[in-house]
Protein backbone atom coordinates (compact mmCIF):
# COMPACT_ATOMS: atom_id res chain seq x y z
CA MET A 1 99.86 79.49 95.69
CA ASP A 2 101.12 79.04 99.24
CA SER A 3 98.36 80.13 101.64
CA ASP A 4 99.78 78.67 104.86
CA PRO A 5 100.56 81.54 107.26
CA THR A 6 103.27 79.60 109.08
CA SER A 7 105.04 78.77 105.82
CA LEU A 8 104.72 82.30 104.51
CA ARG A 9 106.04 83.82 107.73
CA GLY A 10 109.11 81.60 107.50
CA ARG A 11 109.68 82.57 103.89
CA ILE A 12 109.38 86.26 104.77
CA ASP A 13 111.94 85.85 107.54
CA GLU A 14 114.43 84.23 105.16
CA ALA A 15 113.96 86.86 102.45
CA THR A 16 114.15 89.69 104.99
CA ALA A 17 117.41 88.41 106.43
CA LEU A 18 119.01 88.55 102.98
CA LEU A 19 117.60 92.04 102.35
CA GLU A 20 118.84 93.31 105.70
CA ALA A 21 122.33 91.96 105.00
CA THR A 22 122.36 93.88 101.72
CA ALA A 23 121.17 97.07 103.43
CA GLU A 24 123.80 96.78 106.15
CA GLY A 25 126.52 96.72 103.50
CA LEU A 26 125.53 100.07 102.02
CA THR A 27 127.56 103.23 102.47
CA ASP A 28 125.94 106.65 102.52
CA ASP A 29 126.97 107.21 98.91
CA GLY A 30 125.63 103.80 97.95
CA ALA A 31 122.30 104.57 99.59
CA ARG A 32 121.98 107.79 97.61
CA ALA A 33 122.88 106.12 94.31
CA PRO A 34 120.11 105.45 91.79
CA SER A 35 118.13 102.25 92.15
CA LEU A 36 116.68 100.36 89.19
CA LEU A 37 113.37 102.20 89.69
CA PRO A 38 113.19 105.44 87.69
CA GLY A 39 113.52 108.50 89.90
CA TRP A 40 114.24 106.54 93.05
CA SER A 41 117.51 106.16 94.91
CA ARG A 42 118.29 103.06 96.95
CA GLY A 43 117.26 105.15 99.94
CA HIS A 44 113.82 105.54 98.42
CA VAL A 45 113.53 101.77 97.94
CA LEU A 46 114.61 100.97 101.50
CA THR A 47 112.30 103.61 102.96
CA HIS A 48 109.44 102.26 100.87
CA LEU A 49 110.10 98.77 102.20
CA ALA A 50 110.07 100.04 105.78
CA ARG A 51 106.83 101.99 105.33
CA ASN A 52 105.32 99.02 103.48
CA ALA A 53 106.03 96.85 106.51
CA ASP A 54 104.29 99.41 108.71
CA GLY A 55 101.31 99.64 106.36
CA LEU A 56 100.85 95.91 105.97
CA ARG A 57 101.21 95.55 109.75
CA ASN A 58 98.16 97.81 110.03
CA LEU A 59 96.21 95.31 107.91
CA LEU A 60 97.26 92.47 110.21
CA THR A 61 96.08 94.54 113.17
CA TRP A 62 92.75 94.93 111.38
CA ALA A 63 92.51 91.15 110.94
CA ARG A 64 93.51 90.45 114.54
CA THR A 65 91.21 92.98 116.20
CA GLY A 66 88.35 93.29 113.73
CA VAL A 67 88.77 97.09 113.85
CA GLU A 68 89.28 98.60 110.40
CA THR A 69 92.83 99.94 110.29
CA PRO A 70 93.85 101.59 107.00
CA MET A 71 97.18 100.67 105.47
CA TYR A 72 98.15 104.36 105.14
CA PRO A 73 96.36 107.60 106.05
CA SER A 74 96.40 108.35 102.31
CA ARG A 75 98.46 107.62 99.23
CA GLN A 76 99.86 111.15 99.46
CA ALA A 77 100.97 110.55 103.05
CA ARG A 78 102.70 107.35 101.95
CA ASP A 79 104.54 109.10 99.13
CA GLU A 80 105.58 111.98 101.37
CA ALA A 81 106.94 109.60 104.01
CA ILE A 82 109.05 107.79 101.42
CA GLU A 83 110.45 111.03 100.06
CA ALA A 84 111.16 112.42 103.52
CA GLY A 85 113.09 109.32 104.59
CA SER A 86 114.98 108.61 101.40
CA GLY A 87 118.01 110.80 102.08
CA ARG A 88 118.88 109.48 105.53
CA PRO A 89 122.31 108.01 106.30
CA ALA A 90 122.70 104.34 105.40
CA VAL A 91 122.83 103.27 109.04
CA GLU A 92 119.46 104.90 109.72
CA LEU A 93 117.90 103.34 106.64
CA SER A 94 119.14 99.92 107.72
CA ALA A 95 117.90 100.35 111.29
CA ASP A 96 114.47 101.49 110.07
CA LEU A 97 114.25 98.47 107.79
CA ARG A 98 115.09 96.10 110.67
CA ARG A 99 112.72 97.78 113.12
CA SER A 100 109.74 97.82 110.78
CA ALA A 101 110.32 94.23 109.65
CA ALA A 102 110.55 93.03 113.26
CA ALA A 103 107.33 94.86 114.17
CA PHE A 104 105.57 93.26 111.20
CA ALA A 105 106.79 89.81 112.27
CA ARG A 106 105.57 90.35 115.84
CA GLU A 107 102.11 91.37 114.64
CA ALA A 108 101.92 88.39 112.29
CA ALA A 109 102.80 86.07 115.17
CA GLY A 110 99.79 87.40 117.11
CA VAL A 111 97.15 86.75 114.43
CA SER A 112 94.95 83.78 115.35
CA ALA A 113 94.32 80.91 112.96
CA ASP A 114 90.72 82.03 112.37
CA SER A 115 91.69 85.64 111.75
CA TRP A 116 93.86 84.80 108.74
CA ASN A 117 90.63 84.44 106.73
CA ALA A 118 89.31 87.86 107.80
CA THR A 119 88.85 90.30 104.91
CA VAL A 120 91.14 93.33 104.80
CA ARG A 121 91.77 95.89 102.10
CA GLY A 122 94.83 97.82 100.95
CA VAL A 123 95.05 101.27 99.40
CA ALA A 124 93.53 100.08 96.13
CA GLY A 125 91.80 97.00 94.81
CA PRO A 126 89.26 94.62 96.32
CA GLY A 127 89.37 93.11 99.77
CA HIS A 128 91.25 89.88 100.35
CA PRO A 129 91.89 87.37 103.15
CA ALA A 130 94.47 88.48 105.67
CA TRP A 131 96.89 85.68 104.75
CA VAL A 132 97.36 87.41 101.38
CA VAL A 133 99.05 90.23 103.32
CA LEU A 134 101.89 87.80 104.01
CA PHE A 135 102.39 87.02 100.34
CA ARG A 136 102.22 90.70 99.52
CA ARG A 137 105.03 91.36 101.99
CA LEU A 138 107.08 88.49 100.62
CA SER A 139 106.69 89.92 97.11
CA GLU A 140 107.71 93.39 98.24
CA VAL A 141 110.87 92.08 99.88
CA GLN A 142 111.87 89.79 97.01
CA ILE A 143 111.15 92.19 94.15
CA HIS A 144 112.45 95.38 95.73
CA HIS A 145 115.62 93.61 96.83
CA VAL A 146 116.30 93.25 93.11
CA ASP A 147 115.38 96.91 92.57
CA LEU A 148 118.34 97.98 94.71
CA GLY A 149 120.51 97.08 91.72
CA LEU A 150 123.14 95.25 93.73
CA ALA A 151 124.12 91.57 93.92
CA TYR A 152 120.60 90.15 94.32
CA ARG A 153 119.06 89.51 90.90
CA PRO A 154 115.93 87.77 89.51
CA PRO A 155 117.76 84.43 89.02
CA ASP A 156 118.33 84.48 92.80
CA TRP A 157 114.60 84.35 93.55
CA PRO A 158 113.68 81.05 95.23
CA ALA A 159 111.86 78.61 92.95
CA ARG A 160 108.81 78.54 95.22
CA PHE A 161 108.52 82.33 95.13
CA VAL A 162 108.80 82.27 91.33
CA ALA A 163 106.02 79.69 90.99
CA ASP A 164 103.73 81.52 93.41
CA GLY A 165 104.61 84.90 91.92
CA LEU A 166 103.81 83.72 88.40
CA GLU A 167 100.41 82.47 89.52
CA ARG A 168 99.53 85.69 91.30
CA THR A 169 100.96 88.09 88.73
CA ALA A 170 99.54 86.29 85.71
CA GLY A 171 96.19 86.21 87.49
CA GLN A 172 96.30 90.00 87.79
CA PHE A 173 96.77 90.28 84.01
CA ALA A 174 94.05 87.77 83.10
CA ASP A 175 90.66 88.78 81.68
CA ARG A 176 91.82 92.35 81.04
CA ASP A 177 91.11 94.19 77.81
CA ASP A 178 94.17 96.45 78.26
CA VAL A 179 96.58 93.48 78.23
CA PRO A 180 97.73 92.00 74.88
CA ALA A 181 96.36 88.47 74.57
CA CYS A 182 99.12 85.91 74.97
CA VAL A 183 99.96 82.59 76.55
CA VAL A 184 102.76 82.39 79.11
CA GLU A 185 104.57 79.08 79.58
CA ALA A 186 107.24 78.48 82.22
CA GLU A 187 109.64 75.82 81.03
CA ASP A 188 110.93 74.87 84.47
CA THR A 189 107.72 75.01 86.53
CA ALA A 190 105.35 73.56 83.87
CA GLN A 191 102.96 76.45 84.52
CA ARG A 192 100.77 77.89 81.77
CA PHE A 193 98.70 81.07 81.93
CA VAL A 194 96.51 83.04 79.53
CA LEU A 195 96.84 86.82 79.73
CA GLY A 196 94.56 89.45 78.34
CA PRO A 197 90.91 89.17 77.33
CA ALA A 198 89.22 85.91 78.26
CA PRO A 199 89.45 83.41 75.38
CA GLY A 200 86.30 82.15 73.71
CA ALA A 201 84.58 78.91 74.55
CA ALA A 202 86.71 77.11 71.96
CA GLY A 203 89.87 77.99 73.85
CA VAL A 204 92.81 80.15 72.87
CA PRO A 205 92.31 81.41 69.31
CA ASP A 206 94.64 80.45 66.46
CA GLY A 207 97.59 82.77 66.04
CA GLU A 208 97.85 83.52 69.76
CA VAL A 209 101.27 84.73 70.88
CA THR A 210 103.08 82.37 73.23
CA VAL A 211 105.84 83.66 75.52
CA ARG A 212 108.06 80.91 76.90
CA GLY A 213 111.10 80.78 79.14
CA PRO A 214 112.42 80.11 82.62
CA GLY A 215 110.04 81.06 85.40
CA TRP A 216 112.28 83.70 86.97
CA LEU A 217 112.66 85.53 83.65
CA LEU A 218 108.94 85.39 82.96
CA LEU A 219 108.24 86.83 86.42
CA ALA A 220 110.83 89.56 85.91
CA TRP A 221 109.15 90.45 82.58
CA LEU A 222 105.63 90.39 84.03
CA THR A 223 106.65 92.67 86.90
CA GLY A 224 108.52 95.09 84.64
CA ARG A 225 111.96 94.10 85.93
CA ASP A 226 113.21 92.77 82.57
CA PRO A 227 112.27 93.60 78.96
CA GLY A 228 112.03 89.88 78.21
CA THR A 229 114.56 89.86 75.40
CA GLY A 230 115.77 86.45 76.57
CA LEU A 231 112.32 84.89 76.27
CA THR A 232 111.11 82.80 73.34
CA VAL A 233 108.15 84.37 71.54
CA LEU A 234 106.08 82.25 69.14
CA GLY A 235 103.26 83.43 66.89
CA GLY A 236 102.07 86.89 66.14
CA PRO A 237 103.13 89.13 63.23
CA GLU A 238 106.59 88.87 61.77
CA PRO A 239 108.82 91.67 63.15
CA ALA A 240 110.03 94.25 60.65
CA GLY A 241 113.57 94.12 59.35
CA GLY A 242 114.21 90.56 60.43
CA ALA A 243 114.42 91.52 64.10
CA GLY A 244 113.74 88.90 66.72
CA ARG A 245 110.30 88.70 68.24
CA LEU A 246 109.82 90.52 71.51
CA PRO A 247 107.15 89.74 74.10
CA PRO A 248 104.10 92.03 74.15
CA LYS A 249 104.35 95.26 76.12
CA LEU A 250 102.31 94.96 79.29
CA PRO A 251 100.72 97.65 81.46
CA ASN A 252 102.61 98.62 84.57
CA TRP A 253 102.34 95.98 87.27
CA SER A 254 101.81 96.88 90.91
């Protein structure tokens, strides 16, 4: 996975420019229309992206200064801020998105080379090096751009983001007892991952389910953005009624 801060910052800038162009094209009615995320309008998604930029900027401040700076005051405060901002006019949503993204970029530009390895921590989960904040932001921009339900779709994700995203997302589903055991194989990136409980010393057991397809579709399935009906599924029990095999149902990804 790309861990070079300079490279990641450039990739964030490119993805953000596309997102901002989409946001600028929204009307007020379009902003209030449902997104692809249940219960959220496009205004919710854009407000979330703006507050995410602010929150991740706090983590970069933590890395730069060494002073612990929480991502959000609390999860409740984050949720309330998203709800409060979701119904704004489209022009305000777009301006907020631009402002918060620019502030994030300025903070990232001020982090020293040594500070990118400082440990920071988000709302949940273990601590991680500060450079991971950059990939987290890239993922938020790329995936939530799709969630707006407009012209930008999973096949539009850059190949490098798909490869990195598969590595990170599959890693989050590895060695977990609540994930159905399966092998994931990306036909175009030659990547292979094992999900679910760790296999035994002899390797993946016989009869293991293999899910295979293009990387972008695998990433969309892993992140809950596609049911995976276009993927090839090998192994496992025969489906009832002659139906085609579907990939295993995964826990919610975040």
